[in-house]
Amino acid sequence: MNYKKVGEITHYFDHIQVAVLKVTEGLVKFGDTIRIGEEADGFEQKVESMQVDHLAVNEVKAGEEAGLKVTQKTREGEAVYLVTE
């Protein structure tokens, strides 16, 4: 597996398990596999729900932010990586 840093988590809403992802490089698309956090304490998941201003989107690019439904708790400042084979 290869990991390419694409952004970071800027906020986490615990009660709805949604993280705000700020993309700093590249593109994150619906269906991509991402890793949130470092190897020792992070987790991987598929992007299955992304929203900008409460509207579903298929991709976000550098400079944009999106709400992302996450499968585990995360923290502000966590790095986000795109996972490729």
N, C-alpha and C. Protein backbone atom coordinates (compact mmCIF):
# COMPACT_ATOMS: atom_id res chain seq x y z
N MET A 1 0.83 -1.19 0.00
CA MET A 1 0.00 0.00 0.00
C MET A 1 0.87 1.25 0.00
N ASN A 2 0.43 2.24 -0.72
CA ASN A 2 1.10 3.54 -0.74
C ASN A 2 0.18 4.59 -0.12
N TYR A 3 0.79 5.54 0.57
CA TYR A 3 0.03 6.59 1.23
C TYR A 3 0.52 7.95 0.75
N LYS A 4 -0.41 8.79 0.29
CA LYS A 4 -0.06 10.13 -0.16
C LYS A 4 -0.88 11.11 0.66
N LYS A 5 -0.21 12.03 1.36
CA LYS A 5 -0.94 12.99 2.20
C LYS A 5 -1.74 13.92 1.31
N VAL A 6 -3.03 14.04 1.63
CA VAL A 6 -3.92 14.90 0.84
C VAL A 6 -4.56 16.00 1.67
N GLY A 7 -4.45 15.91 3.00
CA GLY A 7 -5.07 16.95 3.80
C GLY A 7 -5.02 16.66 5.28
N GLU A 8 -5.91 17.33 6.01
CA GLU A 8 -5.97 17.13 7.46
C GLU A 8 -7.39 17.38 7.96
N ILE A 9 -7.64 16.85 9.16
CA ILE A 9 -8.93 17.03 9.82
C ILE A 9 -8.88 18.38 10.56
N THR A 10 -9.87 19.24 10.28
CA THR A 10 -9.91 20.54 10.95
C THR A 10 -10.94 20.59 12.07
N HIS A 11 -11.88 19.66 12.08
CA HIS A 11 -12.89 19.61 13.14
C HIS A 11 -13.51 18.22 13.17
N TYR A 12 -13.99 17.82 14.34
CA TYR A 12 -14.67 16.53 14.47
C TYR A 12 -15.94 16.72 15.30
N PHE A 13 -17.06 16.26 14.75
CA PHE A 13 -18.35 16.32 15.43
C PHE A 13 -18.67 14.92 15.97
N ASP A 14 -18.36 14.72 17.25
CA ASP A 14 -18.47 13.40 17.88
C ASP A 14 -19.89 12.83 17.81
N HIS A 15 -20.89 13.65 18.07
CA HIS A 15 -22.28 13.15 18.17
C HIS A 15 -22.83 12.65 16.83
N ILE A 16 -22.25 13.07 15.71
CA ILE A 16 -22.72 12.58 14.40
C ILE A 16 -21.62 11.86 13.62
N GLN A 17 -20.46 11.68 14.24
CA GLN A 17 -19.31 11.00 13.63
C GLN A 17 -18.97 11.58 12.25
N VAL A 18 -18.83 12.90 12.22
CA VAL A 18 -18.45 13.59 10.98
C VAL A 18 -17.19 14.40 11.25
N ALA A 19 -16.23 14.27 10.34
CA ALA A 19 -14.99 15.03 10.42
C ALA A 19 -14.96 16.01 9.25
N VAL A 20 -14.39 17.18 9.49
CA VAL A 20 -14.21 18.14 8.40
C VAL A 20 -12.81 17.93 7.84
N LEU A 21 -12.76 17.58 6.57
CA LEU A 21 -11.51 17.33 5.88
C LEU A 21 -11.15 18.55 5.04
N LYS A 22 -9.96 19.11 5.29
CA LYS A 22 -9.45 20.18 4.44
C LYS A 22 -8.41 19.55 3.51
N VAL A 23 -8.70 19.59 2.21
CA VAL A 23 -7.79 19.00 1.23
C VAL A 23 -6.72 20.03 0.92
N THR A 24 -5.46 19.64 1.10
CA THR A 24 -4.34 20.55 0.86
C THR A 24 -3.58 20.22 -0.42
N GLU A 25 -3.77 19.00 -0.90
CA GLU A 25 -3.04 18.58 -2.10
C GLU A 25 -3.84 17.48 -2.81
N GLY A 26 -3.97 17.61 -4.12
CA GLY A 26 -4.63 16.56 -4.90
C GLY A 26 -6.14 16.61 -4.83
N LEU A 27 -6.73 15.42 -4.80
CA LEU A 27 -8.17 15.25 -4.96
C LEU A 27 -8.61 14.06 -4.12
N VAL A 28 -9.75 14.16 -3.46
CA VAL A 28 -10.35 13.03 -2.76
C VAL A 28 -11.72 12.81 -3.38
N LYS A 29 -11.97 11.55 -3.82
CA LYS A 29 -13.22 11.23 -4.51
C LYS A 29 -14.04 10.21 -3.73
N PHE A 30 -15.33 10.25 -3.98
CA PHE A 30 -16.25 9.24 -3.45
C PHE A 30 -15.72 7.86 -3.87
N GLY A 31 -15.63 6.93 -2.94
CA GLY A 31 -15.15 5.59 -3.24
C GLY A 31 -13.67 5.38 -2.98
N ASP A 32 -12.91 6.47 -2.80
CA ASP A 32 -11.48 6.35 -2.47
C ASP A 32 -11.32 5.72 -1.09
N THR A 33 -10.18 5.07 -0.88
CA THR A 33 -9.81 4.63 0.45
C THR A 33 -8.84 5.64 1.02
N ILE A 34 -9.13 6.09 2.25
CA ILE A 34 -8.26 7.05 2.90
C ILE A 34 -7.79 6.48 4.24
N ARG A 35 -6.71 7.04 4.74
CA ARG A 35 -6.21 6.73 6.08
C ARG A 35 -6.23 8.04 6.86
N ILE A 36 -6.81 8.01 8.03
CA ILE A 36 -6.83 9.16 8.93
C ILE A 36 -5.92 8.83 10.10
N GLY A 37 -4.89 9.65 10.29
CA GLY A 37 -3.94 9.42 11.38
C GLY A 37 -2.75 8.61 10.93
N GLU A 38 -1.82 8.45 11.85
CA GLU A 38 -0.57 7.75 11.55
C GLU A 38 -0.76 6.24 11.70
N GLU A 39 0.26 5.49 11.32
CA GLU A 39 0.18 4.04 11.28
C GLU A 39 -0.19 3.42 12.62
N ALA A 40 0.41 3.91 13.69
CA ALA A 40 0.19 3.30 15.01
C ALA A 40 -1.22 3.50 15.55
N ASP A 41 -1.83 4.65 15.28
CA ASP A 41 -3.12 4.93 15.91
C ASP A 41 -4.21 5.39 14.94
N GLY A 42 -3.96 5.33 13.66
CA GLY A 42 -4.95 5.76 12.68
C GLY A 42 -5.84 4.62 12.22
N PHE A 43 -6.67 4.93 11.23
CA PHE A 43 -7.56 3.91 10.67
C PHE A 43 -7.81 4.22 9.20
N GLU A 44 -8.20 3.19 8.47
CA GLU A 44 -8.52 3.33 7.06
C GLU A 44 -10.00 3.12 6.85
N GLN A 45 -10.54 3.80 5.84
CA GLN A 45 -11.94 3.62 5.50
C GLN A 45 -12.18 4.08 4.07
N LYS A 46 -13.27 3.62 3.49
CA LYS A 46 -13.70 4.08 2.17
C LYS A 46 -14.49 5.38 2.34
N VAL A 47 -14.36 6.28 1.39
CA VAL A 47 -15.14 7.52 1.40
C VAL A 47 -16.52 7.17 0.85
N GLU A 48 -17.52 7.16 1.74
CA GLU A 48 -18.87 6.77 1.35
C GLU A 48 -19.89 7.89 1.53
N SER A 49 -19.48 8.98 2.16
CA SER A 49 -20.37 10.11 2.36
C SER A 49 -19.54 11.37 2.53
N MET A 50 -19.69 12.31 1.59
CA MET A 50 -18.98 13.59 1.63
C MET A 50 -19.98 14.69 1.31
N GLN A 51 -19.91 15.78 2.08
CA GLN A 51 -20.82 16.89 1.84
C GLN A 51 -20.10 18.23 1.92
N VAL A 52 -20.54 19.15 1.08
CA VAL A 52 -20.10 20.54 1.14
C VAL A 52 -21.37 21.37 1.28
N ASP A 53 -21.45 22.17 2.32
CA ASP A 53 -22.65 22.97 2.60
C ASP A 53 -23.92 22.11 2.62
N HIS A 54 -23.84 20.95 3.24
CA HIS A 54 -24.96 20.01 3.42
C HIS A 54 -25.45 19.38 2.11
N LEU A 55 -24.67 19.48 1.05
CA LEU A 55 -25.01 18.84 -0.23
C LEU A 55 -23.96 17.78 -0.55
N ALA A 56 -24.43 16.60 -0.96
CA ALA A 56 -23.51 15.52 -1.30
C ALA A 56 -22.65 15.90 -2.50
N VAL A 57 -21.36 15.57 -2.41
CA VAL A 57 -20.43 15.83 -3.52
C VAL A 57 -19.67 14.55 -3.82
N ASN A 58 -19.16 14.45 -5.05
CA ASN A 58 -18.40 13.27 -5.46
C ASN A 58 -16.91 13.44 -5.29
N GLU A 59 -16.44 14.70 -5.17
CA GLU A 59 -15.01 14.93 -5.00
C GLU A 59 -14.77 16.30 -4.39
N VAL A 60 -13.61 16.42 -3.74
CA VAL A 60 -13.13 17.72 -3.25
C VAL A 60 -11.67 17.82 -3.63
N LYS A 61 -11.26 19.04 -3.99
CA LYS A 61 -9.88 19.23 -4.44
C LYS A 61 -9.15 20.19 -3.51
N ALA A 62 -7.86 20.35 -3.75
CA ALA A 62 -7.02 21.20 -2.91
C ALA A 62 -7.66 22.56 -2.70
N GLY A 63 -7.66 23.00 -1.45
CA GLY A 63 -8.23 24.28 -1.09
C GLY A 63 -9.68 24.20 -0.64
N GLU A 64 -10.28 23.03 -0.77
CA GLU A 64 -11.69 22.86 -0.39
C GLU A 64 -11.81 22.04 0.90
N GLU A 65 -12.96 22.20 1.55
CA GLU A 65 -13.27 21.43 2.76
C GLU A 65 -14.57 20.68 2.55
N ALA A 66 -14.67 19.52 3.19
CA ALA A 66 -15.91 18.74 3.10
C ALA A 66 -16.15 18.02 4.42
N GLY A 67 -17.41 17.83 4.74
CA GLY A 67 -17.78 16.99 5.87
C GLY A 67 -17.71 15.54 5.41
N LEU A 68 -17.12 14.71 6.23
CA LEU A 68 -16.86 13.32 5.87
C LEU A 68 -17.36 12.42 6.99
N LYS A 69 -18.27 11.52 6.66
CA LYS A 69 -18.74 10.55 7.66
C LYS A 69 -17.59 9.59 7.94
N VAL A 70 -17.23 9.42 9.22
CA VAL A 70 -16.11 8.56 9.57
C VAL A 70 -16.58 7.39 10.43
N THR A 71 -15.81 6.31 10.37
CA THR A 71 -16.18 5.08 11.06
C THR A 71 -15.61 5.02 12.48
N GLN A 72 -14.63 5.90 12.77
CA GLN A 72 -14.02 5.93 14.10
C GLN A 72 -13.79 7.37 14.52
N LYS A 73 -13.61 7.55 15.81
CA LYS A 73 -13.32 8.88 16.35
C LYS A 73 -11.97 9.37 15.84
N THR A 74 -11.89 10.65 15.55
CA THR A 74 -10.63 11.25 15.12
C THR A 74 -10.45 12.58 15.84
N ARG A 75 -9.35 13.27 15.55
CA ARG A 75 -9.06 14.52 16.24
C ARG A 75 -8.66 15.60 15.24
N GLU A 76 -8.83 16.85 15.63
CA GLU A 76 -8.36 17.96 14.83
C GLU A 76 -6.85 17.84 14.65
N GLY A 77 -6.38 18.14 13.46
CA GLY A 77 -4.95 18.10 13.18
C GLY A 77 -4.46 16.77 12.64
N GLU A 78 -5.30 15.73 12.67
CA GLU A 78 -4.89 14.43 12.13
C GLU A 78 -4.64 14.55 10.63
N ALA A 79 -3.57 13.94 10.17
CA ALA A 79 -3.27 13.91 8.73
C ALA A 79 -4.19 12.94 8.03
N VAL A 80 -4.52 13.23 6.77
CA VAL A 80 -5.35 12.35 5.96
C VAL A 80 -4.56 11.96 4.72
N TYR A 81 -4.53 10.66 4.46
CA TYR A 81 -3.75 10.12 3.34
C TYR A 81 -4.67 9.39 2.37
N LEU A 82 -4.37 9.49 1.09
CA LEU A 82 -5.03 8.70 0.06
C LEU A 82 -4.27 7.38 -0.02
N VAL A 83 -5.00 6.26 0.02
CA VAL A 83 -4.38 4.93 -0.01
C VAL A 83 -4.48 4.38 -1.43
N THR A 84 -3.33 3.99 -1.98
CA THR A 84 -3.29 3.39 -3.31
C THR A 84 -2.50 2.09 -3.24
N GLU A 85 -2.69 1.25 -4.22
CA GLU A 85 -1.96 -0.02 -4.25
C GLU A 85 -0.69 0.07 -5.04
